[in-house]
Amino acid sequence: MGSIVPYLVAIIPTIVAAAFFYVIVKRIMEADRNERLAQSKFEAEQDREHAREAAAGHEKAPGNDEKAV
């Protein structure tokens, strides 16, 4: 049993560092995925808003009046 202790003392910091690195990278990936999802939702909403404005603007455009002089 006494001969295993030096090996454990040597490997435990590596295991702890690897676990810490895994958690950090996982959180970064989740944050990136959530940010991309939020960005795509925002862009879709902006596209819908611009489409509504374009449709409303097209109906009220000065060249669309039938009372042209």
PDB file of N, CA and C in Angstrom:
ATOM      1  N   MET A   1       0.826  -1.190   0.000  1.00  0.00           N
ATOM      2  CA  MET A   1       0.000   0.000   0.000  1.00  0.00           C
ATOM      3  C   MET A   1       0.868   1.250   0.000  1.00  0.00           C
ATOM      4  N   GLY A   2       1.978   1.202   0.694  1.00  0.00           N
ATOM      5  CA  GLY A   2       2.870   2.357   0.781  1.00  0.00           C
ATOM      6  C   GLY A   2       3.512   2.703  -0.550  1.00  0.00           C
ATOM      7  N   SER A   3       3.597   1.752  -1.448  1.00  0.00           N
ATOM      8  CA  SER A   3       4.230   2.034  -2.736  1.00  0.00           C
ATOM      9  C   SER A   3       3.272   2.700  -3.727  1.00  0.00           C
ATOM     10  N   ILE A   4       1.978   2.675  -3.440  1.00  0.00           N
ATOM     11  CA  ILE A   4       0.983   3.302  -4.340  1.00  0.00           C
ATOM     12  C   ILE A   4       0.851   4.803  -4.066  1.00  0.00           C
ATOM     13  N   VAL A   5       1.082   5.218  -2.851  1.00  0.00           N
ATOM     14  CA  VAL A   5       0.883   6.614  -2.443  1.00  0.00           C
ATOM     15  C   VAL A   5       1.669   7.602  -3.314  1.00  0.00           C
ATOM     16  N   PRO A   6       2.923   7.386  -3.625  1.00  0.00           N
ATOM     17  CA  PRO A   6       3.631   8.363  -4.477  1.00  0.00           C
ATOM     18  C   PRO A   6       3.000   8.492  -5.871  1.00  0.00           C
ATOM     19  N   TYR A   7       2.497   7.376  -6.370  1.00  0.00           N
ATOM     20  CA  TYR A   7       1.864   7.419  -7.689  1.00  0.00           C
ATOM     21  C   TYR A   7       0.547   8.206  -7.644  1.00  0.00           C
ATOM     22  N   LEU A   8      -0.216   7.996  -6.577  1.00  0.00           N
ATOM     23  CA  LEU A   8      -1.469   8.740  -6.416  1.00  0.00           C
ATOM     24  C   LEU A   8      -1.206  10.230  -6.233  1.00  0.00           C
ATOM     25  N   VAL A   9      -0.191  10.551  -5.439  1.00  0.00           N
ATOM     26  CA  VAL A   9       0.165  11.953  -5.219  1.00  0.00           C
ATOM     27  C   VAL A   9       0.584  12.606  -6.547  1.00  0.00           C
ATOM     28  N   ALA A  10       1.195  11.835  -7.406  1.00  0.00           N
ATOM     29  CA  ALA A  10       1.643  12.379  -8.686  1.00  0.00           C
ATOM     30  C   ALA A  10       0.488  12.520  -9.682  1.00  0.00           C
ATOM     31  N   ILE A  11      -0.477  11.609  -9.651  1.00  0.00           N
ATOM     32  CA  ILE A  11      -1.531  11.608 -10.672  1.00  0.00           C
ATOM     33  C   ILE A  11      -2.756  12.437 -10.280  1.00  0.00           C
ATOM     34  N   ILE A  12      -3.024  12.600  -8.999  1.00  0.00           N
ATOM     35  CA  ILE A  12      -4.227  13.317  -8.554  1.00  0.00           C
ATOM     36  C   ILE A  12      -4.247  14.767  -9.049  1.00  0.00           C
ATOM     37  N   PRO A  13      -3.163  15.537  -8.981  1.00  0.00           N
ATOM     38  CA  PRO A  13      -3.219  16.902  -9.519  1.00  0.00           C
ATOM     39  C   PRO A  13      -3.552  16.943 -11.018  1.00  0.00           C
ATOM     40  N   THR A  14      -3.055  15.959 -11.737  1.00  0.00           N
ATOM     41  CA  THR A  14      -3.357  15.899 -13.165  1.00  0.00           C
ATOM     42  C   THR A  14      -4.838  15.621 -13.398  1.00  0.00           C
ATOM     43  N   ILE A  15      -5.395  14.709 -12.627  1.00  0.00           N
ATOM     44  CA  ILE A  15      -6.821  14.388 -12.752  1.00  0.00           C
ATOM     45  C   ILE A  15      -7.675  15.597 -12.378  1.00  0.00           C
ATOM     46  N   VAL A  16      -7.310  16.289 -11.316  1.00  0.00           N
ATOM     47  CA  VAL A  16      -8.062  17.476 -10.888  1.00  0.00           C
ATOM     48  C   VAL A  16      -7.966  18.568 -11.951  1.00  0.00           C
ATOM     49  N   ALA A  17      -6.803  18.794 -12.503  1.00  0.00           N
ATOM     50  CA  ALA A  17      -6.626  19.806 -13.546  1.00  0.00           C
ATOM     51  C   ALA A  17      -7.419  19.444 -14.798  1.00  0.00           C
ATOM     52  N   ALA A  18      -7.428  18.168 -15.161  1.00  0.00           N
ATOM     53  CA  ALA A  18      -8.183  17.732 -16.334  1.00  0.00           C
ATOM     54  C   ALA A  18      -9.682  17.912 -16.107  1.00  0.00           C
ATOM     55  N   ALA A  19     -10.165  17.590 -14.927  1.00  0.00           N
ATOM     56  CA  ALA A  19     -11.587  17.779 -14.617  1.00  0.00           C
ATOM     57  C   ALA A  19     -11.952  19.261 -14.650  1.00  0.00           C
ATOM     58  N   PHE A  20     -11.107  20.102 -14.092  1.00  0.00           N
ATOM     59  CA  PHE A  20     -11.330  21.541 -14.101  1.00  0.00           C
ATOM     60  C   PHE A  20     -11.368  22.062 -15.543  1.00  0.00           C
ATOM     61  N   PHE A  21     -10.414  21.631 -16.353  1.00  0.00           N
ATOM     62  CA  PHE A  21     -10.367  22.027 -17.761  1.00  0.00           C
ATOM     63  C   PHE A  21     -11.631  21.576 -18.490  1.00  0.00           C
ATOM     64  N   TYR A  22     -12.085  20.353 -18.234  1.00  0.00           N
ATOM     65  CA  TYR A  22     -13.299  19.839 -18.864  1.00  0.00           C
ATOM     66  C   TYR A  22     -14.508  20.704 -18.516  1.00  0.00           C
ATOM     67  N   VAL A  23     -14.656  21.053 -17.247  1.00  0.00           N
ATOM     68  CA  VAL A  23     -15.792  21.865 -16.808  1.00  0.00           C
ATOM     69  C   VAL A  23     -15.743  23.235 -17.465  1.00  0.00           C
ATOM     70  N   ILE A  24     -14.587  23.853 -17.509  1.00  0.00           N
ATOM     71  CA  ILE A  24     -14.453  25.178 -18.114  1.00  0.00           C
ATOM     72  C   ILE A  24     -14.794  25.137 -19.601  1.00  0.00           C
ATOM     73  N   VAL A  25     -14.242  24.175 -20.323  1.00  0.00           N
ATOM     74  CA  VAL A  25     -14.509  24.075 -21.756  1.00  0.00           C
ATOM     75  C   VAL A  25     -15.984  23.775 -22.013  1.00  0.00           C
ATOM     76  N   LYS A  26     -16.581  22.926 -21.199  1.00  0.00           N
ATOM     77  CA  LYS A  26     -17.998  22.605 -21.353  1.00  0.00           C
ATOM     78  C   LYS A  26     -18.852  23.854 -21.165  1.00  0.00           C
ATOM     79  N   ARG A  27     -18.553  24.648 -20.153  1.00  0.00           N
ATOM     80  CA  ARG A  27     -19.315  25.886 -19.915  1.00  0.00           C
ATOM     81  C   ARG A  27     -19.132  26.879 -21.048  1.00  0.00           C
ATOM     82  N   ILE A  28     -17.939  26.971 -21.587  1.00  0.00           N
ATOM     83  CA  ILE A  28     -17.689  27.868 -22.717  1.00  0.00           C
ATOM     84  C   ILE A  28     -18.515  27.427 -23.923  1.00  0.00           C
ATOM     85  N   MET A  29     -18.545  26.124 -24.189  1.00  0.00           N
ATOM     86  CA  MET A  29     -19.309  25.607 -25.326  1.00  0.00           C
ATOM     87  C   MET A  29     -20.808  25.845 -25.142  1.00  0.00           C
ATOM     88  N   GLU A  30     -21.313  25.642 -23.929  1.00  0.00           N
ATOM     89  CA  GLU A  30     -22.728  25.892 -23.657  1.00  0.00           C
ATOM     90  C   GLU A  30     -23.067  27.366 -23.815  1.00  0.00           C
ATOM     91  N   ALA A  31     -22.199  28.234 -23.337  1.00  0.00           N
ATOM     92  CA  ALA A  31     -22.425  29.672 -23.459  1.00  0.00           C
ATOM     93  C   ALA A  31     -22.425  30.086 -24.920  1.00  0.00           C
ATOM     94  N   ASP A  32     -21.507  29.531 -25.699  1.00  0.00           N
ATOM     95  CA  ASP A  32     -21.451  29.842 -27.126  1.00  0.00           C
ATOM     96  C   ASP A  32     -22.714  29.366 -27.827  1.00  0.00           C
ATOM     97  N   ARG A  33     -23.169  28.170 -27.500  1.00  0.00           N
ATOM     98  CA  ARG A  33     -24.392  27.634 -28.120  1.00  0.00           C
ATOM     99  C   ARG A  33     -25.598  28.504 -27.764  1.00  0.00           C
ATOM    100  N   ASN A  34     -25.698  28.902 -26.499  1.00  0.00           N
ATOM    101  CA  ASN A  34     -26.810  29.756 -26.075  1.00  0.00           C
ATOM    102  C   ASN A  34     -26.740  31.130 -26.742  1.00  0.00           C
ATOM    103  N   GLU A  35     -25.541  31.667 -26.880  1.00  0.00           N
ATOM    104  CA  GLU A  35     -25.380  32.968 -27.535  1.00  0.00           C
ATOM    105  C   GLU A  35     -25.760  32.886 -29.012  1.00  0.00           C
ATOM    106  N   ARG A  36     -25.355  31.821 -29.681  1.00  0.00           N
ATOM    107  CA  ARG A  36     -25.727  31.656 -31.094  1.00  0.00           C
ATOM    108  C   ARG A  36     -27.237  31.496 -31.253  1.00  0.00           C
ATOM    109  N   LEU A  37     -27.879  30.780 -30.339  1.00  0.00           N
ATOM    110  CA  LEU A  37     -29.330  30.620 -30.380  1.00  0.00           C
ATOM    111  C   LEU A  37     -30.024  31.960 -30.167  1.00  0.00           C
ATOM    112  N   ALA A  38     -29.572  32.722 -29.198  1.00  0.00           N
ATOM    113  CA  ALA A  38     -30.152  34.039 -28.939  1.00  0.00           C
ATOM    114  C   ALA A  38     -29.934  34.968 -30.133  1.00  0.00           C
ATOM    115  N   GLN A  39     -28.765  34.912 -30.736  1.00  0.00           N
ATOM    116  CA  GLN A  39     -28.479  35.756 -31.895  1.00  0.00           C
ATOM    117  C   GLN A  39     -29.373  35.386 -33.068  1.00  0.00           C
ATOM    118  N   SER A  40     -29.576  34.097 -33.311  1.00  0.00           N
ATOM    119  CA  SER A  40     -30.430  33.695 -34.431  1.00  0.00           C
ATOM    120  C   SER A  40     -31.879  34.089 -34.180  1.00  0.00           C
ATOM    121  N   LYS A  41     -32.351  33.993 -32.938  1.00  0.00           N
ATOM    122  CA  LYS A  41     -33.711  34.440 -32.615  1.00  0.00           C
ATOM    123  C   LYS A  41     -33.839  35.948 -32.833  1.00  0.00           C
ATOM    124  N   PHE A  42     -32.838  36.702 -32.404  1.00  0.00           N
ATOM    125  CA  PHE A  42     -32.857  38.148 -32.587  1.00  0.00           C
ATOM    126  C   PHE A  42     -32.878  38.502 -34.069  1.00  0.00           C
ATOM    127  N   GLU A  43     -32.038  37.854 -34.859  1.00  0.00           N
ATOM    128  CA  GLU A  43     -31.995  38.139 -36.288  1.00  0.00           C
ATOM    129  C   GLU A  43     -33.301  37.761 -36.974  1.00  0.00           C
ATOM    130  N   ALA A  44     -33.915  36.654 -36.565  1.00  0.00           N
ATOM    131  CA  ALA A  44     -35.199  36.265 -37.142  1.00  0.00           C
ATOM    132  C   ALA A  44     -36.269  37.295 -36.814  1.00  0.00           C
ATOM    133  N   GLU A  45     -36.272  37.781 -35.583  1.00  0.00           N
ATOM    134  CA  GLU A  45     -37.240  38.815 -35.191  1.00  0.00           C
ATOM    135  C   GLU A  45     -36.993  40.103 -35.985  1.00  0.00           C
ATOM    136  N   GLN A  46     -35.741  40.463 -36.170  1.00  0.00           N
ATOM    137  CA  GLN A  46     -35.428  41.659 -36.946  1.00  0.00           C
ATOM    138  C   GLN A  46     -35.868  41.495 -38.399  1.00  0.00           C
ATOM    139  N   ASP A  47     -35.658  40.312 -38.965  1.00  0.00           N
ATOM    140  CA  ASP A  47     -36.099  40.052 -40.342  1.00  0.00           C
ATOM    141  C   ASP A  47     -37.614  40.167 -40.459  1.00  0.00           C
ATOM    142  N   ARG A  48     -38.345  39.616 -39.474  1.00  0.00           N
ATOM    143  CA  ARG A  48     -39.805  39.726 -39.501  1.00  0.00           C
ATOM    144  C   ARG A  48     -40.247  41.181 -39.391  1.00  0.00           C
ATOM    145  N   GLU A  49     -39.576  41.928 -38.515  1.00  0.00           N
ATOM    146  CA  GLU A  49     -39.924  43.334 -38.331  1.00  0.00           C
ATOM    147  C   GLU A  49     -39.657  44.131 -39.601  1.00  0.00           C
ATOM    148  N   HIS A  50     -38.533  43.876 -40.245  1.00  0.00           N
ATOM    149  CA  HIS A  50     -38.221  44.578 -41.494  1.00  0.00           C
ATOM    150  C   HIS A  50     -39.195  44.186 -42.597  1.00  0.00           C
ATOM    151  N   ALA A  51     -39.594  42.933 -42.612  1.00  0.00           N
ATOM    152  CA  ALA A  51     -40.555  42.483 -43.621  1.00  0.00           C
ATOM    153  C   ALA A  51     -41.903  43.171 -43.406  1.00  0.00           C
ATOM    154  N   ARG A  52     -42.332  43.306 -42.141  1.00  0.00           N
ATOM    155  CA  ARG A  52     -43.585  44.014 -41.848  1.00  0.00           C
ATOM    156  C   ARG A  52     -43.487  45.470 -42.259  1.00  0.00           C
ATOM    157  N   GLU A  53     -42.365  46.116 -41.935  1.00  0.00           N
ATOM    158  CA  GLU A  53     -42.182  47.518 -42.298  1.00  0.00           C
ATOM    159  C   GLU A  53     -42.149  47.687 -43.809  1.00  0.00           C
ATOM    160  N   ALA A  54     -41.493  46.765 -44.495  1.00  0.00           N
ATOM    161  CA  ALA A  54     -41.419  46.851 -45.951  1.00  0.00           C
ATOM    162  C   ALA A  54     -42.805  46.666 -46.564  1.00  0.00           C
ATOM    163  N   ALA A  55     -43.586  45.730 -46.019  1.00  0.00           N
ATOM    164  CA  ALA A  55     -44.936  45.505 -46.540  1.00  0.00           C
ATOM    165  C   ALA A  55     -45.816  46.715 -46.259  1.00  0.00           C
ATOM    166  N   ALA A  56     -45.713  47.294 -45.078  1.00  0.00           N
ATOM    167  CA  ALA A  56     -46.509  48.472 -44.741  1.00  0.00           C
ATOM    168  C   ALA A  56     -46.037  49.672 -45.549  1.00  0.00           C
ATOM    169  N   GLY A  57     -44.754  49.825 -45.739  1.00  0.00           N
ATOM    170  CA  GLY A  57     -44.195  50.926 -46.523  1.00  0.00           C
ATOM    171  C   GLY A  57     -44.536  50.798 -47.994  1.00  0.00           C
ATOM    172  N   HIS A  58     -44.595  49.583 -48.486  1.00  0.00           N
ATOM    173  CA  HIS A  58     -44.919  49.344 -49.895  1.00  0.00           C
ATOM    174  C   HIS A  58     -46.359  49.738 -50.181  1.00  0.00           C
ATOM    175  N   GLU A  59     -47.258  49.485 -49.247  1.00  0.00           N
ATOM    176  CA  GLU A  59     -48.662  49.838 -49.433  1.00  0.00           C
ATOM    177  C   GLU A  59     -48.858  51.343 -49.393  1.00  0.00           C
ATOM    178  N   LYS A  60     -48.043  52.065 -48.641  1.00  0.00           N
ATOM    179  CA  LYS A  60     -48.203  53.507 -48.479  1.00  0.00           C
ATOM    180  C   LYS A  60     -47.215  54.300 -49.326  1.00  0.00           C
ATOM    181  N   ALA A  61     -46.498  53.655 -50.200  1.00  0.00           N
ATOM    182  CA  ALA A  61     -45.503  54.348 -51.013  1.00  0.00           C
ATOM    183  C   ALA A  61     -46.185  55.365 -51.918  1.00  0.00           C
ATOM    184  N   PRO A  62     -45.559  56.526 -52.164  1.00  0.00           N
ATOM    185  CA  PRO A  62     -46.180  57.573 -52.981  1.00  0.00           C
ATOM    186  C   PRO A  62     -46.461  57.124 -54.405  1.00  0.00           C
ATOM    187  N   GLY A  63     -45.697  56.244 -54.941  1.00  0.00           N
ATOM    188  CA  GLY A  63     -45.916  55.799 -56.331  1.00  0.00           C
ATOM    189  C   GLY A  63     -47.077  54.844 -56.469  1.00  0.00           C
ATOM    190  N   ASN A  64     -47.674  54.398 -55.389  1.00  0.00           N
ATOM    191  CA  ASN A  64     -48.751  53.423 -55.449  1.00  0.00           C
ATOM    192  C   ASN A  64     -50.133  54.065 -55.450  1.00  0.00           C
ATOM    193  N   ASP A  65     -50.231  55.399 -55.392  1.00  0.00           N
ATOM    194  CA  ASP A  65     -51.534  56.065 -55.406  1.00  0.00           C
ATOM    195  C   ASP A  65     -52.157  55.968 -56.800  1.00  0.00           C
ATOM    196  N   GLU A  66     -53.441  55.720 -56.801  1.00  0.00           N
ATOM    197  CA  GLU A  66     -54.140  55.694 -58.091  1.00  0.00           C
ATOM    198  C   GLU A  66     -54.577  57.086 -58.504  1.00  0.00           C
ATOM    199  N   LYS A  67     -54.433  58.077 -57.618  1.00  0.00           N
ATOM    200  CA  LYS A  67     -54.809  59.458 -57.920  1.00  0.00           C
ATOM    201  C   LYS A  67     -53.617  60.233 -58.452  1.00  0.00           C
ATOM    202  N   ALA A  68     -52.813  59.659 -59.248  1.00  0.00           N
ATOM    203  CA  ALA A  68     -51.629  60.347 -59.765  1.00  0.00           C
ATOM    204  C   ALA A  68     -52.047  61.545 -60.604  1.00  0.00           C
ATOM    205  N   VAL A  69     -51.361  62.648 -60.439  1.00  0.00           N
ATOM    206  CA  VAL A  69     -51.711  63.886 -61.160  1.00  0.00           C
ATOM    207  C   VAL A  69     -51.011  63.959 -62.476  1.00  0.00           C
TER     208      VAL A  69
END
